[in-house]
N, C-alpha and C. Protein backbone atom coordinates (compact mmCIF):
# COMPACT_ATOMS: atom_id res chain seq x y z
N UNK A 1 89.01 106.35 108.87
CA UNK A 1 88.44 105.13 108.33
C UNK A 1 88.00 105.36 106.90
N UNK A 2 87.82 104.29 106.15
CA UNK A 2 87.32 104.40 104.79
C UNK A 2 85.81 104.53 104.83
N UNK A 3 85.28 105.35 104.00
CA UNK A 3 83.83 105.57 103.96
C UNK A 3 83.30 105.17 102.59
N UNK A 4 82.47 104.12 102.52
CA UNK A 4 81.87 103.76 101.22
C UNK A 4 81.03 104.91 100.69
N UNK A 5 81.03 105.09 99.39
CA UNK A 5 80.22 106.14 98.79
C UNK A 5 78.75 105.72 98.74
N UNK A 6 77.83 106.65 98.97
CA UNK A 6 76.40 106.32 98.92
C UNK A 6 76.03 105.71 97.57
N UNK A 7 75.28 104.62 97.63
CA UNK A 7 74.82 103.99 96.40
C UNK A 7 75.75 102.97 95.82
N UNK A 8 76.95 102.79 96.43
CA UNK A 8 77.91 101.80 95.95
C UNK A 8 78.10 100.72 97.00
N UNK A 9 78.33 99.48 96.59
CA UNK A 9 78.46 98.38 97.55
C UNK A 9 79.75 98.48 98.35
N UNK A 10 79.70 97.99 99.59
CA UNK A 10 80.90 97.98 100.43
C UNK A 10 81.86 96.90 99.98
N UNK A 11 81.34 95.79 99.45
CA UNK A 11 82.18 94.68 98.98
C UNK A 11 82.46 94.84 97.49
N UNK A 12 83.48 94.16 97.00
CA UNK A 12 83.75 94.22 95.55
C UNK A 12 82.52 93.85 94.74
N UNK A 13 82.37 94.48 93.60
CA UNK A 13 81.16 94.34 92.79
C UNK A 13 81.42 93.48 91.57
N UNK A 14 80.34 93.04 90.96
CA UNK A 14 80.40 92.37 89.68
C UNK A 14 79.62 93.20 88.67
N UNK A 15 79.92 93.00 87.41
CA UNK A 15 79.16 93.69 86.38
C UNK A 15 79.82 94.97 85.94
N UNK A 16 79.01 95.94 85.51
CA UNK A 16 79.52 97.20 84.97
C UNK A 16 80.22 98.00 86.06
N UNK A 17 81.47 98.43 85.82
CA UNK A 17 82.17 99.22 86.84
C UNK A 17 81.44 100.53 87.11
N UNK A 18 81.51 101.03 88.34
CA UNK A 18 80.90 102.32 88.65
C UNK A 18 81.68 103.45 88.01
N UNK A 19 81.11 104.62 88.03
CA UNK A 19 81.75 105.79 87.44
C UNK A 19 83.06 106.10 88.15
N UNK A 20 84.15 106.16 87.40
CA UNK A 20 85.47 106.35 88.00
C UNK A 20 85.56 107.64 88.80
N UNK A 21 84.99 108.72 88.28
CA UNK A 21 85.15 110.01 88.93
C UNK A 21 84.57 110.01 90.34
N UNK A 22 83.44 109.33 90.51
CA UNK A 22 82.79 109.34 91.82
C UNK A 22 83.23 108.17 92.70
N UNK A 23 83.22 106.98 92.17
CA UNK A 23 83.46 105.79 92.99
C UNK A 23 84.94 105.55 93.27
N UNK A 24 85.82 106.00 92.39
CA UNK A 24 87.24 105.74 92.57
C UNK A 24 87.97 106.98 93.06
N UNK A 25 87.88 108.05 92.31
CA UNK A 25 88.65 109.25 92.65
C UNK A 25 88.16 109.93 93.92
N UNK A 26 86.90 109.73 94.29
CA UNK A 26 86.39 110.32 95.53
C UNK A 26 86.56 109.40 96.74
N UNK A 27 87.14 108.21 96.54
CA UNK A 27 87.42 107.30 97.65
C UNK A 27 88.30 108.03 98.66
N UNK A 28 87.86 108.09 99.91
CA UNK A 28 88.54 108.97 100.86
C UNK A 28 88.75 108.31 102.22
N UNK A 29 89.71 108.87 102.98
CA UNK A 29 90.08 108.39 104.30
C UNK A 29 90.14 109.58 105.25
N UNK A 30 89.67 109.37 106.47
CA UNK A 30 89.73 110.41 107.49
C UNK A 30 91.14 110.43 108.08
N UNK A 31 91.81 111.57 108.01
CA UNK A 31 93.18 111.69 108.47
C UNK A 31 93.28 112.72 109.58
N UNK A 32 93.88 112.32 110.71
CA UNK A 32 94.18 113.24 111.80
C UNK A 32 95.51 113.92 111.49
N UNK A 33 95.51 115.24 111.40
CA UNK A 33 96.68 115.95 110.90
C UNK A 33 97.79 116.12 111.91
N UNK A 34 97.47 116.23 113.19
CA UNK A 34 98.47 116.59 114.20
C UNK A 34 99.70 115.67 114.20
N UNK A 35 99.54 114.35 114.16
CA UNK A 35 100.75 113.50 114.18
C UNK A 35 101.66 113.73 112.98
N UNK A 36 101.08 113.92 111.82
CA UNK A 36 101.87 114.16 110.61
C UNK A 36 102.56 115.51 110.67
N UNK A 37 101.84 116.53 111.15
CA UNK A 37 102.41 117.86 111.23
C UNK A 37 103.50 117.96 112.28
N UNK A 38 103.38 117.16 113.34
CA UNK A 38 104.40 117.15 114.38
C UNK A 38 105.67 116.45 113.93
N UNK A 39 105.54 115.48 113.04
CA UNK A 39 106.68 114.66 112.64
C UNK A 39 107.43 115.20 111.43
N UNK A 40 106.74 115.99 110.58
CA UNK A 40 107.31 116.38 109.30
C UNK A 40 107.22 117.90 109.14
N UNK A 41 108.32 118.57 108.77
CA UNK A 41 108.27 120.01 108.53
C UNK A 41 107.25 120.37 107.46
N UNK A 42 106.68 121.55 107.58
CA UNK A 42 105.58 121.95 106.71
C UNK A 42 105.92 121.87 105.23
N UNK A 43 107.15 122.27 104.87
CA UNK A 43 107.48 122.29 103.44
C UNK A 43 107.69 120.90 102.86
N UNK A 44 107.75 119.87 103.72
CA UNK A 44 107.84 118.50 103.24
C UNK A 44 106.50 117.78 103.32
N UNK A 45 105.50 118.46 103.85
CA UNK A 45 104.14 117.91 103.88
C UNK A 45 103.40 118.30 102.61
N UNK A 46 102.52 117.44 102.10
CA UNK A 46 101.65 117.87 101.00
C UNK A 46 100.81 119.07 101.45
N UNK A 47 100.55 119.99 100.55
CA UNK A 47 99.79 121.20 100.91
C UNK A 47 98.45 120.86 101.53
N UNK A 48 97.82 119.79 101.06
CA UNK A 48 96.51 119.42 101.56
C UNK A 48 96.55 119.00 103.02
N UNK A 49 97.74 118.70 103.56
CA UNK A 49 97.88 118.24 104.95
C UNK A 49 98.49 119.30 105.86
N UNK A 50 98.58 120.54 105.39
CA UNK A 50 99.22 121.60 106.19
C UNK A 50 98.23 122.45 106.96
N UNK A 51 96.94 122.28 106.72
CA UNK A 51 95.95 123.17 107.31
C UNK A 51 95.91 123.14 108.82
N UNK A 52 95.54 124.26 109.42
CA UNK A 52 95.43 124.36 110.88
C UNK A 52 94.00 124.61 111.34
N UNK A 53 93.11 124.91 110.41
CA UNK A 53 91.73 125.24 110.80
C UNK A 53 90.98 124.02 111.30
N UNK A 54 91.27 122.84 110.73
CA UNK A 54 90.56 121.62 111.10
C UNK A 54 91.57 120.57 111.57
N UNK A 55 91.27 119.87 112.68
CA UNK A 55 92.19 118.83 113.15
C UNK A 55 92.20 117.58 112.30
N UNK A 56 91.13 117.36 111.53
CA UNK A 56 91.04 116.18 110.68
C UNK A 56 90.54 116.61 109.30
N UNK A 57 90.96 115.86 108.28
CA UNK A 57 90.50 116.12 106.92
C UNK A 57 90.08 114.80 106.27
N UNK A 58 89.27 114.91 105.23
CA UNK A 58 89.01 113.78 104.35
C UNK A 58 90.02 113.86 103.21
N UNK A 59 90.88 112.86 103.12
CA UNK A 59 91.89 112.81 102.07
C UNK A 59 91.41 111.86 100.98
N UNK A 60 91.20 112.39 99.78
CA UNK A 60 90.64 111.62 98.68
C UNK A 60 91.74 111.05 97.79
N UNK A 61 91.38 109.99 97.06
CA UNK A 61 92.33 109.41 96.10
C UNK A 61 92.77 110.47 95.10
N UNK A 62 91.86 111.31 94.63
CA UNK A 62 92.21 112.33 93.66
C UNK A 62 93.20 113.34 94.26
N UNK A 63 93.11 113.58 95.58
CA UNK A 63 94.06 114.49 96.23
C UNK A 63 95.47 113.93 96.17
N UNK A 64 95.61 112.63 96.43
CA UNK A 64 96.93 112.00 96.42
C UNK A 64 97.48 111.96 94.99
N UNK A 65 96.63 111.67 94.02
CA UNK A 65 97.07 111.70 92.62
C UNK A 65 97.53 113.10 92.22
N UNK A 66 96.89 114.11 92.76
CA UNK A 66 97.30 115.48 92.47
C UNK A 66 98.69 115.76 93.06
N UNK A 67 98.91 115.33 94.30
CA UNK A 67 100.24 115.47 94.92
C UNK A 67 101.29 114.76 94.06
N UNK A 68 100.93 113.59 93.54
CA UNK A 68 101.87 112.76 92.79
C UNK A 68 102.28 113.34 91.45
N UNK A 69 101.63 114.39 91.02
CA UNK A 69 102.05 115.04 89.77
C UNK A 69 103.49 115.54 89.87
N UNK A 70 103.97 115.77 91.11
CA UNK A 70 105.35 116.24 91.31
C UNK A 70 106.27 115.13 91.80
N UNK A 71 105.86 113.86 91.65
CA UNK A 71 106.64 112.74 92.19
C UNK A 71 107.95 112.49 91.45
N UNK A 72 108.24 113.26 90.42
CA UNK A 72 109.52 113.15 89.72
C UNK A 72 110.59 114.01 90.37
N UNK A 73 110.21 114.80 91.39
CA UNK A 73 111.16 115.63 92.12
C UNK A 73 111.32 115.07 93.54
N UNK A 74 112.45 115.32 94.20
CA UNK A 74 112.64 114.78 95.55
C UNK A 74 111.57 115.21 96.55
N UNK A 75 111.26 116.50 96.59
CA UNK A 75 110.24 116.96 97.53
C UNK A 75 108.87 116.40 97.15
N UNK A 76 108.55 116.45 95.87
CA UNK A 76 107.26 115.93 95.41
C UNK A 76 107.11 114.45 95.66
N UNK A 77 108.18 113.69 95.47
CA UNK A 77 108.13 112.24 95.71
C UNK A 77 107.94 111.96 97.19
N UNK A 78 108.66 112.68 98.04
CA UNK A 78 108.51 112.51 99.49
C UNK A 78 107.07 112.82 99.90
N UNK A 79 106.54 113.93 99.40
CA UNK A 79 105.16 114.31 99.72
C UNK A 79 104.15 113.30 99.20
N UNK A 80 104.45 112.71 98.05
CA UNK A 80 103.55 111.68 97.51
C UNK A 80 103.49 110.47 98.43
N UNK A 81 104.64 110.04 98.93
CA UNK A 81 104.62 108.90 99.84
C UNK A 81 103.90 109.25 101.14
N UNK A 82 104.12 110.45 101.66
CA UNK A 82 103.42 110.87 102.88
C UNK A 82 101.91 110.85 102.65
N UNK A 83 101.46 111.42 101.54
CA UNK A 83 100.03 111.45 101.25
C UNK A 83 99.47 110.05 101.06
N UNK A 84 100.21 109.20 100.35
CA UNK A 84 99.76 107.82 100.13
C UNK A 84 99.69 107.06 101.44
N UNK A 85 100.67 107.28 102.32
CA UNK A 85 100.68 106.60 103.61
C UNK A 85 99.53 107.07 104.49
N UNK A 86 99.26 108.36 104.48
CA UNK A 86 98.14 108.88 105.27
C UNK A 86 96.81 108.36 104.72
N UNK A 87 96.65 108.38 103.41
CA UNK A 87 95.43 107.89 102.77
C UNK A 87 95.21 106.41 103.06
N UNK A 88 96.29 105.64 103.15
CA UNK A 88 96.17 104.20 103.33
C UNK A 88 96.24 103.71 104.76
N UNK A 89 96.31 104.63 105.73
CA UNK A 89 96.43 104.24 107.14
C UNK A 89 95.10 104.29 107.85
N UNK A 90 94.93 103.38 108.79
CA UNK A 90 93.76 103.44 109.65
C UNK A 90 94.00 104.49 110.74
N UNK A 91 92.96 105.21 111.18
CA UNK A 91 93.13 106.19 112.25
C UNK A 91 93.74 105.53 113.49
N UNK A 92 94.72 106.23 114.10
CA UNK A 92 95.34 105.72 115.30
C UNK A 92 96.58 104.89 115.06
N UNK A 93 96.81 104.48 113.81
CA UNK A 93 97.97 103.63 113.50
C UNK A 93 99.07 104.42 112.79
N UNK A 94 98.79 105.68 112.43
CA UNK A 94 99.76 106.44 111.66
C UNK A 94 101.07 106.64 112.41
N UNK A 95 100.98 107.00 113.70
CA UNK A 95 102.18 107.36 114.45
C UNK A 95 103.06 106.14 114.67
N UNK A 96 102.46 105.06 115.11
CA UNK A 96 103.25 103.89 115.47
C UNK A 96 103.86 103.17 114.27
N UNK A 97 103.24 103.23 113.12
CA UNK A 97 103.70 102.42 112.00
C UNK A 97 104.14 103.26 110.81
N UNK A 98 103.26 104.10 110.27
CA UNK A 98 103.58 104.77 109.01
C UNK A 98 104.53 105.93 109.20
N UNK A 99 104.48 106.60 110.36
CA UNK A 99 105.35 107.74 110.56
C UNK A 99 106.76 107.34 110.95
N UNK A 100 106.96 106.06 111.26
CA UNK A 100 108.28 105.62 111.68
C UNK A 100 109.32 105.91 110.60
N UNK A 101 108.91 105.86 109.35
CA UNK A 101 109.84 106.13 108.24
C UNK A 101 110.26 107.60 108.20
N UNK A 102 109.45 108.49 108.78
CA UNK A 102 109.66 109.92 108.60
C UNK A 102 110.07 110.67 109.86
N UNK A 103 109.64 110.21 111.03
CA UNK A 103 109.84 110.98 112.26
C UNK A 103 111.32 111.10 112.61
N UNK A 104 111.73 112.29 113.05
CA UNK A 104 113.08 112.50 113.53
C UNK A 104 114.16 112.58 112.47
N UNK A 105 113.78 112.76 111.22
CA UNK A 105 114.77 112.83 110.15
C UNK A 105 115.43 114.20 110.09
N UNK A 106 116.68 114.22 109.65
CA UNK A 106 117.33 115.49 109.35
C UNK A 106 116.91 115.94 107.95
N UNK A 107 117.23 117.18 107.62
CA UNK A 107 116.92 117.68 106.28
C UNK A 107 117.63 116.85 105.21
N UNK A 108 118.88 116.50 105.46
CA UNK A 108 119.62 115.69 104.50
C UNK A 108 118.98 114.32 104.31
N UNK A 109 118.48 113.73 105.38
CA UNK A 109 117.84 112.42 105.29
C UNK A 109 116.53 112.50 104.50
N UNK A 110 115.79 113.59 104.69
CA UNK A 110 114.57 113.76 103.90
C UNK A 110 114.91 113.92 102.42
N UNK A 111 115.95 114.67 102.12
CA UNK A 111 116.38 114.83 100.73
C UNK A 111 116.79 113.48 100.16
N UNK A 112 117.50 112.68 100.94
CA UNK A 112 117.95 111.37 100.47
C UNK A 112 116.77 110.47 100.15
N UNK A 113 115.77 110.42 101.04
CA UNK A 113 114.59 109.60 100.79
C UNK A 113 113.84 110.10 99.56
N UNK A 114 113.65 111.41 99.49
CA UNK A 114 112.95 111.98 98.34
C UNK A 114 113.65 111.71 97.03
N UNK A 115 114.98 111.77 97.05
CA UNK A 115 115.76 111.51 95.84
C UNK A 115 115.61 110.06 95.40
N UNK A 116 115.62 109.14 96.35
CA UNK A 116 115.42 107.72 96.02
C UNK A 116 114.03 107.50 95.42
N UNK A 117 113.02 108.07 96.04
CA UNK A 117 111.65 107.88 95.56
C UNK A 117 111.47 108.50 94.17
N UNK A 118 112.07 109.66 93.94
CA UNK A 118 111.98 110.29 92.62
C UNK A 118 112.66 109.41 91.57
N UNK A 119 113.76 108.75 91.94
CA UNK A 119 114.43 107.84 91.01
C UNK A 119 113.55 106.64 90.69
N UNK A 120 112.79 106.17 91.68
CA UNK A 120 111.85 105.08 91.44
C UNK A 120 110.78 105.52 90.45
N UNK A 121 110.32 106.76 90.58
CA UNK A 121 109.35 107.30 89.62
C UNK A 121 109.93 107.26 88.21
N UNK A 122 111.19 107.63 88.07
CA UNK A 122 111.85 107.58 86.76
C UNK A 122 111.90 106.15 86.23
N UNK A 123 112.16 105.19 87.14
CA UNK A 123 112.19 103.78 86.72
C UNK A 123 110.82 103.34 86.23
N UNK A 124 109.77 103.76 86.92
CA UNK A 124 108.41 103.43 86.49
C UNK A 124 108.16 103.88 85.06
N UNK A 125 108.54 105.11 84.77
CA UNK A 125 108.30 105.67 83.44
C UNK A 125 109.12 104.95 82.39
N UNK A 126 110.37 104.68 82.71
CA UNK A 126 111.29 104.12 81.72
C UNK A 126 111.10 102.62 81.51
N UNK A 127 110.78 101.89 82.60
CA UNK A 127 110.83 100.44 82.51
C UNK A 127 109.57 99.74 83.02
N UNK A 128 108.61 100.48 83.56
CA UNK A 128 107.34 99.88 83.94
C UNK A 128 107.22 99.54 85.42
N UNK A 129 106.03 99.01 85.76
CA UNK A 129 105.66 98.81 87.15
C UNK A 129 106.53 97.77 87.86
N UNK A 130 106.80 96.65 87.21
CA UNK A 130 107.57 95.59 87.87
C UNK A 130 108.98 96.06 88.19
N UNK A 131 109.61 96.77 87.25
CA UNK A 131 110.95 97.30 87.49
C UNK A 131 110.94 98.33 88.61
N UNK A 132 109.89 99.16 88.64
CA UNK A 132 109.77 100.14 89.71
C UNK A 132 109.64 99.48 91.07
N UNK A 133 108.88 98.39 91.10
CA UNK A 133 108.71 97.64 92.34
C UNK A 133 110.03 97.06 92.82
N UNK A 134 110.77 96.43 91.94
CA UNK A 134 112.05 95.84 92.31
C UNK A 134 113.02 96.93 92.79
N UNK A 135 113.00 98.07 92.13
CA UNK A 135 113.89 99.17 92.49
C UNK A 135 113.58 99.68 93.88
N UNK A 136 112.29 99.82 94.21
CA UNK A 136 111.89 100.38 95.50
C UNK A 136 112.03 99.37 96.65
N UNK A 137 111.64 98.14 96.42
CA UNK A 137 111.60 97.16 97.51
C UNK A 137 112.92 96.43 97.69
N UNK A 138 113.63 96.16 96.61
CA UNK A 138 114.86 95.37 96.71
C UNK A 138 116.09 96.05 96.13
N UNK A 139 115.91 97.12 95.38
CA UNK A 139 117.00 97.67 94.59
C UNK A 139 117.79 98.77 95.27
N UNK A 140 118.52 99.51 94.43
CA UNK A 140 119.40 100.57 94.92
C UNK A 140 118.64 101.71 95.59
N UNK A 141 117.34 101.84 95.28
CA UNK A 141 116.57 102.95 95.82
C UNK A 141 115.58 102.51 96.89
N UNK A 142 115.88 101.37 97.52
CA UNK A 142 115.05 100.92 98.64
C UNK A 142 115.15 101.91 99.79
N UNK A 143 114.01 102.15 100.44
CA UNK A 143 113.94 103.02 101.62
C UNK A 143 113.54 102.16 102.80
N UNK A 144 114.32 102.21 103.86
CA UNK A 144 114.05 101.41 105.04
C UNK A 144 112.66 101.73 105.58
N UNK A 145 111.88 100.68 105.86
CA UNK A 145 110.53 100.85 106.39
C UNK A 145 109.46 100.80 105.33
N UNK A 146 109.83 100.86 104.06
CA UNK A 146 108.85 100.78 102.97
C UNK A 146 108.86 99.37 102.41
N UNK A 147 107.71 98.70 102.53
CA UNK A 147 107.59 97.33 102.03
C UNK A 147 106.43 97.26 101.04
N UNK A 148 105.96 96.05 100.79
CA UNK A 148 105.01 95.85 99.70
C UNK A 148 103.74 96.66 99.85
N UNK A 149 103.06 96.57 100.98
CA UNK A 149 101.74 97.17 101.10
C UNK A 149 101.76 98.67 100.83
N UNK A 150 102.67 99.40 101.48
CA UNK A 150 102.71 100.85 101.30
C UNK A 150 103.67 101.25 100.19
N UNK A 151 104.62 100.40 99.87
CA UNK A 151 105.46 100.67 98.71
C UNK A 151 104.66 100.68 97.43
N UNK A 152 103.72 99.74 97.30
CA UNK A 152 102.91 99.71 96.09
C UNK A 152 101.88 100.83 96.06
N UNK A 153 101.56 101.39 97.21
CA UNK A 153 100.72 102.61 97.21
C UNK A 153 101.50 103.76 96.57
N UNK A 154 102.77 103.89 96.93
CA UNK A 154 103.57 104.92 96.28
C UNK A 154 103.65 104.67 94.78
N UNK A 155 103.95 103.44 94.39
CA UNK A 155 104.06 103.12 92.96
C UNK A 155 102.76 103.42 92.22
N UNK A 156 101.64 103.09 92.84
CA UNK A 156 100.33 103.34 92.22
C UNK A 156 100.13 104.82 91.96
N UNK A 157 100.33 105.63 92.98
CA UNK A 157 100.04 107.06 92.83
C UNK A 157 101.09 107.75 91.95
N UNK A 158 102.36 107.38 92.11
CA UNK A 158 103.40 108.01 91.30
C UNK A 158 103.33 107.57 89.85
N UNK A 159 102.89 106.33 89.61
CA UNK A 159 102.97 105.79 88.26
C UNK A 159 101.69 105.69 87.48
N UNK A 160 100.53 105.81 88.14
CA UNK A 160 99.29 105.50 87.44
C UNK A 160 99.07 106.39 86.21
N UNK A 161 99.36 107.67 86.35
CA UNK A 161 99.15 108.58 85.22
C UNK A 161 100.40 108.72 84.35
N UNK A 162 101.50 108.11 84.78
CA UNK A 162 102.74 108.20 84.02
C UNK A 162 102.98 106.96 83.16
N UNK A 163 102.60 105.79 83.68
CA UNK A 163 102.82 104.54 82.96
C UNK A 163 101.61 104.30 82.08
N UNK A 164 101.66 104.75 80.85
CA UNK A 164 100.49 104.69 79.97
C UNK A 164 100.65 103.70 78.82
N UNK A 165 101.85 103.20 78.62
CA UNK A 165 102.07 102.26 77.52
C UNK A 165 102.35 100.85 78.00
N UNK A 166 102.36 100.65 79.32
CA UNK A 166 102.60 99.33 79.92
C UNK A 166 101.52 99.10 80.98
N UNK A 167 101.58 97.93 81.64
CA UNK A 167 100.67 97.68 82.74
C UNK A 167 100.90 98.68 83.85
N UNK A 168 99.82 99.26 84.34
CA UNK A 168 99.95 100.27 85.39
C UNK A 168 100.20 99.61 86.75
N UNK A 169 100.83 100.35 87.67
CA UNK A 169 101.07 99.80 89.01
C UNK A 169 99.75 99.55 89.74
N UNK A 170 99.75 98.54 90.59
CA UNK A 170 98.57 98.16 91.36
C UNK A 170 98.93 98.13 92.84
N UNK A 171 98.06 98.65 93.69
CA UNK A 171 98.26 98.54 95.12
C UNK A 171 98.06 97.08 95.52
N UNK A 172 99.07 96.50 96.17
CA UNK A 172 99.00 95.10 96.56
C UNK A 172 98.96 94.98 98.08
N UNK A 173 97.83 94.54 98.58
CA UNK A 173 97.68 94.26 100.00
C UNK A 173 96.57 93.24 100.15
N UNK A 174 96.15 92.97 101.37
CA UNK A 174 95.13 91.94 101.56
C UNK A 174 93.81 92.32 100.91
N UNK A 175 93.56 93.61 100.74
CA UNK A 175 92.33 94.03 100.08
C UNK A 175 92.31 93.61 98.62
N UNK A 176 93.49 93.68 97.96
CA UNK A 176 93.59 93.21 96.58
C UNK A 176 93.28 91.73 96.50
N UNK A 177 93.87 90.97 97.43
CA UNK A 177 93.64 89.53 97.43
C UNK A 177 92.16 89.21 97.63
N UNK A 178 91.52 89.91 98.56
CA UNK A 178 90.10 89.68 98.81
C UNK A 178 89.26 90.06 97.59
N UNK A 179 89.60 91.19 96.94
CA UNK A 179 88.82 91.64 95.80
C UNK A 179 88.91 90.65 94.64
N UNK A 180 90.13 90.14 94.39
CA UNK A 180 90.29 89.17 93.31
C UNK A 180 89.47 87.92 93.60
N UNK A 181 89.47 87.49 94.86
CA UNK A 181 88.70 86.31 95.24
C UNK A 181 87.21 86.54 95.02
N UNK A 182 86.70 87.70 95.45
CA UNK A 182 85.28 88.02 95.26
C UNK A 182 84.91 88.08 93.78
N UNK A 183 85.77 88.72 92.99
CA UNK A 183 85.42 88.99 91.61
C UNK A 183 85.58 87.78 90.69
N UNK A 184 86.50 86.89 91.02
CA UNK A 184 86.76 85.75 90.14
C UNK A 184 86.24 84.44 90.70
N UNK A 185 85.97 84.41 92.01
CA UNK A 185 85.55 83.16 92.63
C UNK A 185 86.70 82.20 92.85
N UNK A 186 87.93 82.69 92.63
CA UNK A 186 89.11 81.85 92.80
C UNK A 186 90.01 82.46 93.87
N UNK A 187 90.70 81.63 94.59
CA UNK A 187 91.52 82.10 95.70
C UNK A 187 92.73 82.87 95.21
N UNK A 188 92.96 84.02 95.82
CA UNK A 188 94.18 84.79 95.60
C UNK A 188 94.97 84.71 96.89
N UNK A 189 95.94 83.81 96.92
CA UNK A 189 96.68 83.59 98.16
C UNK A 189 97.76 84.64 98.35
N UNK A 190 97.99 85.00 99.60
CA UNK A 190 99.12 85.87 99.88
C UNK A 190 99.84 85.36 101.11
N UNK A 191 101.16 85.46 101.10
CA UNK A 191 101.99 84.95 102.17
C UNK A 191 102.93 86.06 102.61
N UNK A 192 102.78 86.51 103.86
CA UNK A 192 103.53 87.67 104.31
C UNK A 192 104.94 87.33 104.79
N UNK A 193 105.24 86.07 104.98
CA UNK A 193 106.56 85.72 105.51
C UNK A 193 107.07 84.44 104.87
N UNK A 194 107.34 84.50 103.57
CA UNK A 194 107.83 83.31 102.90
C UNK A 194 109.28 83.03 103.33
N UNK A 195 109.74 81.78 103.33
CA UNK A 195 111.10 81.45 103.77
C UNK A 195 112.15 82.25 103.00
N UNK A 196 113.11 82.79 103.76
CA UNK A 196 114.22 83.50 103.15
C UNK A 196 113.90 84.94 102.79
N UNK A 197 112.66 85.40 103.09
CA UNK A 197 112.31 86.78 102.72
C UNK A 197 112.63 87.72 103.86
N UNK A 198 112.51 89.01 103.58
CA UNK A 198 112.72 90.01 104.63
C UNK A 198 111.39 90.50 105.16
N UNK A 199 110.35 89.70 105.03
CA UNK A 199 109.04 90.09 105.52
C UNK A 199 108.14 90.61 104.43
N UNK A 200 108.58 90.53 103.17
CA UNK A 200 107.75 91.00 102.07
C UNK A 200 106.60 90.05 101.78
N UNK A 201 105.90 90.30 100.69
CA UNK A 201 104.73 89.52 100.35
C UNK A 201 104.82 88.98 98.94
N UNK A 202 104.08 87.92 98.66
CA UNK A 202 103.87 87.59 97.27
C UNK A 202 102.40 87.25 97.06
N UNK A 203 101.92 87.51 95.87
CA UNK A 203 100.51 87.36 95.57
C UNK A 203 100.36 86.52 94.31
N UNK A 204 99.44 85.59 94.35
CA UNK A 204 99.08 84.82 93.16
C UNK A 204 97.77 85.38 92.64
N UNK A 205 97.79 85.95 91.46
CA UNK A 205 96.61 86.55 90.87
C UNK A 205 96.07 85.61 89.81
N UNK A 206 94.90 84.97 90.02
CA UNK A 206 94.38 84.05 89.02
C UNK A 206 93.89 84.77 87.78
N UNK A 207 94.23 84.27 86.61
CA UNK A 207 93.77 84.83 85.35
C UNK A 207 93.27 83.69 84.48
N UNK A 208 92.56 83.98 83.38
CA UNK A 208 92.08 82.91 82.50
C UNK A 208 93.22 82.03 81.98
N UNK A 209 94.40 82.61 81.83
CA UNK A 209 95.53 81.85 81.30
C UNK A 209 96.33 81.14 82.38
N UNK A 210 95.93 81.33 83.61
CA UNK A 210 96.68 80.72 84.72
C UNK A 210 96.95 81.73 85.80
N UNK A 211 97.94 81.50 86.60
CA UNK A 211 98.27 82.40 87.71
C UNK A 211 99.46 83.27 87.37
N UNK A 212 99.33 84.54 87.67
CA UNK A 212 100.41 85.49 87.48
C UNK A 212 100.96 85.84 88.86
N UNK A 213 102.25 85.73 89.03
CA UNK A 213 102.83 85.97 90.34
C UNK A 213 103.45 87.35 90.41
N UNK A 214 103.08 88.10 91.44
CA UNK A 214 103.74 89.36 91.74
C UNK A 214 104.53 89.09 93.01
N UNK A 215 105.84 89.07 92.94
CA UNK A 215 106.64 88.67 94.09
C UNK A 215 107.30 89.87 94.74
N UNK A 216 107.39 89.83 96.06
CA UNK A 216 108.08 90.88 96.80
C UNK A 216 109.43 90.36 97.26
């Protein structure tokens, strides 16, 4: 589960942002290691998730960003998505939903997924967040089972420190919609099953100049 940091509000805040190092980078999730270790060979797991001394760990945002430093390589990109998926999963839901993309793969299939994800990282650097999103969710480097909510987690971690001259990638899920609503007082609508879609999402983000649409 997610654990709010002491001294910081559980709901989105107004006013001066909290210290990034403590309130953002220390944001952590309790992860049960056994399901991930059973589904994925050790050398394809992030190092932080290979331990045997403890059955559960606290996985921090800074840990996933550290893994993502190698997201330009197939193994590093695969590990980045695994770490992002573990960080973003609720306890008990990892096996049934997030591990479905990874369980039972051959070595060649893991290489193929990692190669696609690494190519998406290259797209992020070369063409920005929106192009990376299109490439991962709809493009040549789409990976079956990766959609908006967890796809944008990969984009966020792989691209946040790489995309420095354009808009950085943002994790898009219902939490984003709720936060925008709290912070602006305006509705941020999201629709998980728009007509003609494959189950993706679209989000209307209200801004002073109007609404900006991020479409899946």
